[in-house]
Amino acid sequence: MKTYAARSLSPAPLRRISKSSPSVLPMLTPMHAWRMLCRRTGGNISLTTFYRWINAGRIGVVRVGSRYLIPLPLLEEVIEKCLDGERV
């Protein structure tokens, strides 16, 4: 029979993530991303349309469990397309 090491019940120590770390992208929830998109473009994009864009793959998302997170650089690309008059 195998023996297993006992697990510690204390949580793992939190590491501080530096802003200069290239592997960490700022992530936004869909609601925050939608608000930023509307504010920066001055448009009246409905939340339903925004979620349709996510489901259609027009806006890149990362799925973590049951949550969707939108990387800020991908949202910036969508904002630039909107400001340039291109289709998203």
N, C-alpha and C. Protein backbone atom coordinates (compact mmCIF):
# COMPACT_ATOMS: atom_id res chain seq x y z
N MET A 1 0.82 -1.16 0.00
CA MET A 1 0.00 0.00 0.00
C MET A 1 0.88 1.25 0.00
N LYS A 2 0.53 2.24 -0.85
CA LYS A 2 1.31 3.47 -0.94
C LYS A 2 0.98 4.39 0.23
N THR A 3 1.98 5.10 0.66
CA THR A 3 1.74 6.12 1.68
C THR A 3 1.80 7.48 1.00
N TYR A 4 0.96 8.36 1.43
CA TYR A 4 0.88 9.69 0.86
C TYR A 4 1.28 10.71 1.90
N ALA A 5 1.91 11.76 1.44
CA ALA A 5 2.29 12.84 2.35
C ALA A 5 1.05 13.61 2.75
N ALA A 6 1.03 14.03 3.99
CA ALA A 6 -0.11 14.80 4.48
C ALA A 6 -0.10 16.18 3.87
N ARG A 7 -1.26 16.67 3.53
CA ARG A 7 -1.38 18.02 2.97
C ARG A 7 -1.52 19.03 4.09
N SER A 8 -0.95 20.16 3.86
CA SER A 8 -1.08 21.25 4.82
C SER A 8 -2.47 21.87 4.65
N LEU A 9 -3.09 22.22 5.73
CA LEU A 9 -4.41 22.85 5.66
C LEU A 9 -4.32 24.35 5.47
N SER A 10 -3.13 24.90 5.60
CA SER A 10 -3.00 26.35 5.41
C SER A 10 -2.97 26.65 3.91
N PRO A 11 -3.50 27.80 3.51
CA PRO A 11 -3.52 28.13 2.09
C PRO A 11 -2.11 28.39 1.58
N ALA A 12 -1.96 28.24 0.28
CA ALA A 12 -0.67 28.49 -0.34
C ALA A 12 -0.31 29.96 -0.17
N PRO A 13 0.96 30.26 -0.01
CA PRO A 13 1.35 31.66 0.15
C PRO A 13 1.04 32.44 -1.12
N LEU A 14 0.57 33.66 -0.95
CA LEU A 14 0.24 34.50 -2.10
C LEU A 14 1.51 35.13 -2.64
N ARG A 15 1.64 35.07 -3.95
CA ARG A 15 2.78 35.71 -4.58
C ARG A 15 2.34 37.05 -5.13
N ARG A 16 3.17 38.00 -5.00
CA ARG A 16 2.89 39.32 -5.55
C ARG A 16 3.27 39.30 -7.01
N ILE A 17 2.37 39.72 -7.85
CA ILE A 17 2.61 39.72 -9.29
C ILE A 17 3.04 41.13 -9.69
N SER A 18 4.20 41.23 -10.27
CA SER A 18 4.69 42.54 -10.68
C SER A 18 4.03 42.94 -11.99
N LYS A 19 3.91 44.24 -12.20
CA LYS A 19 3.29 44.74 -13.42
C LYS A 19 4.19 44.53 -14.63
N SER A 20 5.47 44.32 -14.40
CA SER A 20 6.39 44.14 -15.52
C SER A 20 6.44 42.70 -16.01
N SER A 21 5.72 41.81 -15.35
CA SER A 21 5.74 40.41 -15.74
C SER A 21 5.03 40.24 -17.08
N PRO A 22 5.73 39.75 -18.11
CA PRO A 22 5.11 39.65 -19.43
C PRO A 22 4.09 38.52 -19.55
N SER A 23 4.09 37.57 -18.63
CA SER A 23 3.21 36.43 -18.76
C SER A 23 1.82 36.67 -18.17
N VAL A 24 1.62 37.80 -17.51
CA VAL A 24 0.34 38.08 -16.88
C VAL A 24 -0.36 39.20 -17.64
N LEU A 25 -1.54 38.90 -18.17
CA LEU A 25 -2.32 39.91 -18.88
C LEU A 25 -3.42 40.42 -17.99
N PRO A 26 -3.72 41.71 -18.04
CA PRO A 26 -4.88 42.18 -17.29
C PRO A 26 -6.15 41.62 -17.93
N MET A 27 -7.03 41.08 -17.11
CA MET A 27 -8.26 40.46 -17.59
C MET A 27 -9.46 41.25 -17.08
N LEU A 28 -10.50 41.27 -17.89
CA LEU A 28 -11.73 41.97 -17.55
C LEU A 28 -12.90 41.00 -17.62
N THR A 29 -13.88 41.22 -16.76
CA THR A 29 -15.11 40.46 -16.88
C THR A 29 -15.87 41.02 -18.09
N PRO A 30 -16.79 40.25 -18.65
CA PRO A 30 -17.54 40.77 -19.80
C PRO A 30 -18.28 42.08 -19.51
N MET A 31 -18.80 42.23 -18.30
CA MET A 31 -19.51 43.47 -17.96
C MET A 31 -18.57 44.67 -17.97
N HIS A 32 -17.39 44.50 -17.38
CA HIS A 32 -16.42 45.60 -17.38
C HIS A 32 -15.91 45.90 -18.79
N ALA A 33 -15.69 44.85 -19.56
CA ALA A 33 -15.23 45.05 -20.94
C ALA A 33 -16.29 45.77 -21.76
N TRP A 34 -17.55 45.40 -21.59
CA TRP A 34 -18.63 46.05 -22.33
C TRP A 34 -18.73 47.52 -21.96
N ARG A 35 -18.63 47.82 -20.67
CA ARG A 35 -18.68 49.21 -20.23
C ARG A 35 -17.52 50.01 -20.80
N MET A 36 -16.32 49.42 -20.82
CA MET A 36 -15.16 50.12 -21.37
C MET A 36 -15.33 50.35 -22.86
N LEU A 37 -15.85 49.35 -23.57
CA LEU A 37 -16.08 49.49 -25.01
C LEU A 37 -17.06 50.61 -25.30
N CYS A 38 -18.16 50.66 -24.57
CA CYS A 38 -19.16 51.71 -24.79
C CYS A 38 -18.59 53.09 -24.46
N ARG A 39 -17.84 53.17 -23.37
CA ARG A 39 -17.30 54.46 -22.93
C ARG A 39 -16.25 54.97 -23.92
N ARG A 40 -15.36 54.07 -24.37
CA ARG A 40 -14.26 54.51 -25.23
C ARG A 40 -14.70 54.79 -26.66
N THR A 41 -15.75 54.09 -27.13
CA THR A 41 -16.19 54.29 -28.52
C THR A 41 -17.33 55.29 -28.62
N GLY A 42 -17.98 55.57 -27.50
CA GLY A 42 -19.12 56.47 -27.53
C GLY A 42 -20.34 55.84 -28.18
N GLY A 43 -20.31 54.54 -28.35
CA GLY A 43 -21.40 53.84 -29.02
C GLY A 43 -22.42 53.30 -28.06
N ASN A 44 -23.55 52.93 -28.59
CA ASN A 44 -24.61 52.31 -27.80
C ASN A 44 -24.71 50.84 -28.19
N ILE A 45 -23.71 50.08 -27.80
CA ILE A 45 -23.68 48.66 -28.09
C ILE A 45 -24.44 47.96 -26.98
N SER A 46 -25.44 47.19 -27.33
CA SER A 46 -26.21 46.52 -26.29
C SER A 46 -25.40 45.37 -25.68
N LEU A 47 -25.72 45.05 -24.46
CA LEU A 47 -25.03 43.96 -23.78
C LEU A 47 -25.30 42.63 -24.48
N THR A 48 -26.50 42.47 -25.01
CA THR A 48 -26.83 41.26 -25.76
C THR A 48 -25.96 41.12 -26.99
N THR A 49 -25.76 42.21 -27.72
CA THR A 49 -24.90 42.19 -28.90
C THR A 49 -23.47 41.85 -28.50
N PHE A 50 -23.01 42.43 -27.40
CA PHE A 50 -21.66 42.16 -26.92
C PHE A 50 -21.48 40.68 -26.63
N TYR A 51 -22.45 40.05 -25.97
CA TYR A 51 -22.37 38.62 -25.69
C TYR A 51 -22.48 37.80 -26.97
N ARG A 52 -23.22 38.27 -27.96
CA ARG A 52 -23.28 37.58 -29.24
C ARG A 52 -21.91 37.60 -29.91
N TRP A 53 -21.21 38.74 -29.82
CA TRP A 53 -19.86 38.85 -30.38
C TRP A 53 -18.92 37.86 -29.69
N ILE A 54 -19.06 37.71 -28.37
CA ILE A 54 -18.23 36.76 -27.63
C ILE A 54 -18.52 35.34 -28.11
N ASN A 55 -19.80 34.98 -28.20
CA ASN A 55 -20.18 33.62 -28.62
C ASN A 55 -19.79 33.32 -30.06
N ALA A 56 -19.77 34.35 -30.90
CA ALA A 56 -19.40 34.16 -32.30
C ALA A 56 -17.89 34.15 -32.49
N GLY A 57 -17.12 34.48 -31.45
CA GLY A 57 -15.67 34.50 -31.57
C GLY A 57 -15.11 35.80 -32.08
N ARG A 58 -15.91 36.82 -32.19
CA ARG A 58 -15.43 38.12 -32.66
C ARG A 58 -14.60 38.83 -31.60
N ILE A 59 -14.87 38.52 -30.35
CA ILE A 59 -14.10 39.04 -29.23
C ILE A 59 -13.46 37.84 -28.54
N GLY A 60 -12.14 37.87 -28.43
CA GLY A 60 -11.43 36.76 -27.83
C GLY A 60 -11.63 36.71 -26.32
N VAL A 61 -11.89 35.54 -25.81
CA VAL A 61 -12.08 35.37 -24.38
C VAL A 61 -11.26 34.17 -23.90
N VAL A 62 -11.04 34.16 -22.60
CA VAL A 62 -10.40 33.03 -21.94
C VAL A 62 -11.43 32.50 -20.97
N ARG A 63 -11.66 31.20 -21.03
CA ARG A 63 -12.64 30.61 -20.13
C ARG A 63 -11.92 29.98 -18.95
N VAL A 64 -12.29 30.40 -17.76
CA VAL A 64 -11.72 29.86 -16.52
C VAL A 64 -12.88 29.28 -15.73
N GLY A 65 -12.99 27.97 -15.75
CA GLY A 65 -14.13 27.33 -15.12
C GLY A 65 -15.39 27.70 -15.88
N SER A 66 -16.32 28.32 -15.19
CA SER A 66 -17.56 28.75 -15.85
C SER A 66 -17.54 30.24 -16.17
N ARG A 67 -16.42 30.90 -15.89
CA ARG A 67 -16.33 32.35 -16.12
C ARG A 67 -15.62 32.66 -17.42
N TYR A 68 -16.02 33.73 -18.06
CA TYR A 68 -15.33 34.24 -19.22
C TYR A 68 -14.54 35.47 -18.79
N LEU A 69 -13.29 35.54 -19.23
CA LEU A 69 -12.46 36.71 -18.96
C LEU A 69 -11.91 37.19 -20.29
N ILE A 70 -11.87 38.50 -20.45
CA ILE A 70 -11.42 39.10 -21.70
C ILE A 70 -10.09 39.79 -21.45
N PRO A 71 -9.02 39.36 -22.15
CA PRO A 71 -7.73 40.03 -22.00
C PRO A 71 -7.81 41.46 -22.52
N LEU A 72 -7.23 42.38 -21.78
CA LEU A 72 -7.29 43.79 -22.15
C LEU A 72 -6.72 44.08 -23.54
N PRO A 73 -5.58 43.47 -23.94
CA PRO A 73 -5.08 43.74 -25.30
C PRO A 73 -6.06 43.35 -26.40
N LEU A 74 -6.82 42.26 -26.21
CA LEU A 74 -7.80 41.87 -27.22
C LEU A 74 -8.95 42.86 -27.28
N LEU A 75 -9.34 43.37 -26.12
CA LEU A 75 -10.40 44.38 -26.10
C LEU A 75 -9.92 45.67 -26.75
N GLU A 76 -8.65 46.02 -26.53
CA GLU A 76 -8.10 47.23 -27.17
C GLU A 76 -8.15 47.11 -28.69
N GLU A 77 -7.89 45.90 -29.22
CA GLU A 77 -7.98 45.69 -30.67
C GLU A 77 -9.40 45.92 -31.17
N VAL A 78 -10.38 45.44 -30.43
CA VAL A 78 -11.79 45.62 -30.82
C VAL A 78 -12.14 47.10 -30.77
N ILE A 79 -11.69 47.80 -29.77
CA ILE A 79 -11.96 49.24 -29.65
C ILE A 79 -11.35 49.98 -30.83
N GLU A 80 -10.10 49.63 -31.20
CA GLU A 80 -9.46 50.28 -32.35
C GLU A 80 -10.24 50.02 -33.63
N LYS A 81 -10.73 48.79 -33.81
CA LYS A 81 -11.52 48.48 -35.00
C LYS A 81 -12.79 49.33 -35.04
N CYS A 82 -13.45 49.46 -33.89
CA CYS A 82 -14.66 50.27 -33.84
C CYS A 82 -14.37 51.74 -34.17
N LEU A 83 -13.28 52.25 -33.63
CA LEU A 83 -12.93 53.65 -33.85
C LEU A 83 -12.51 53.90 -35.31
N ASP A 84 -11.94 52.87 -35.96
CA ASP A 84 -11.53 53.00 -37.36
C ASP A 84 -12.68 52.76 -38.32
N GLY A 85 -13.83 52.35 -37.81
CA GLY A 85 -15.00 52.11 -38.65
C GLY A 85 -15.05 50.73 -39.26
N GLU A 86 -14.18 49.83 -38.82
CA GLU A 86 -14.17 48.46 -39.36
C GLU A 86 -15.25 47.64 -38.66
N ARG A 87 -15.63 46.55 -39.29
CA ARG A 87 -16.58 45.61 -38.67
C ARG A 87 -15.84 44.78 -37.64
N VAL A 88 -16.54 44.51 -36.54
CA VAL A 88 -15.95 43.68 -35.49
C VAL A 88 -16.21 42.23 -35.79
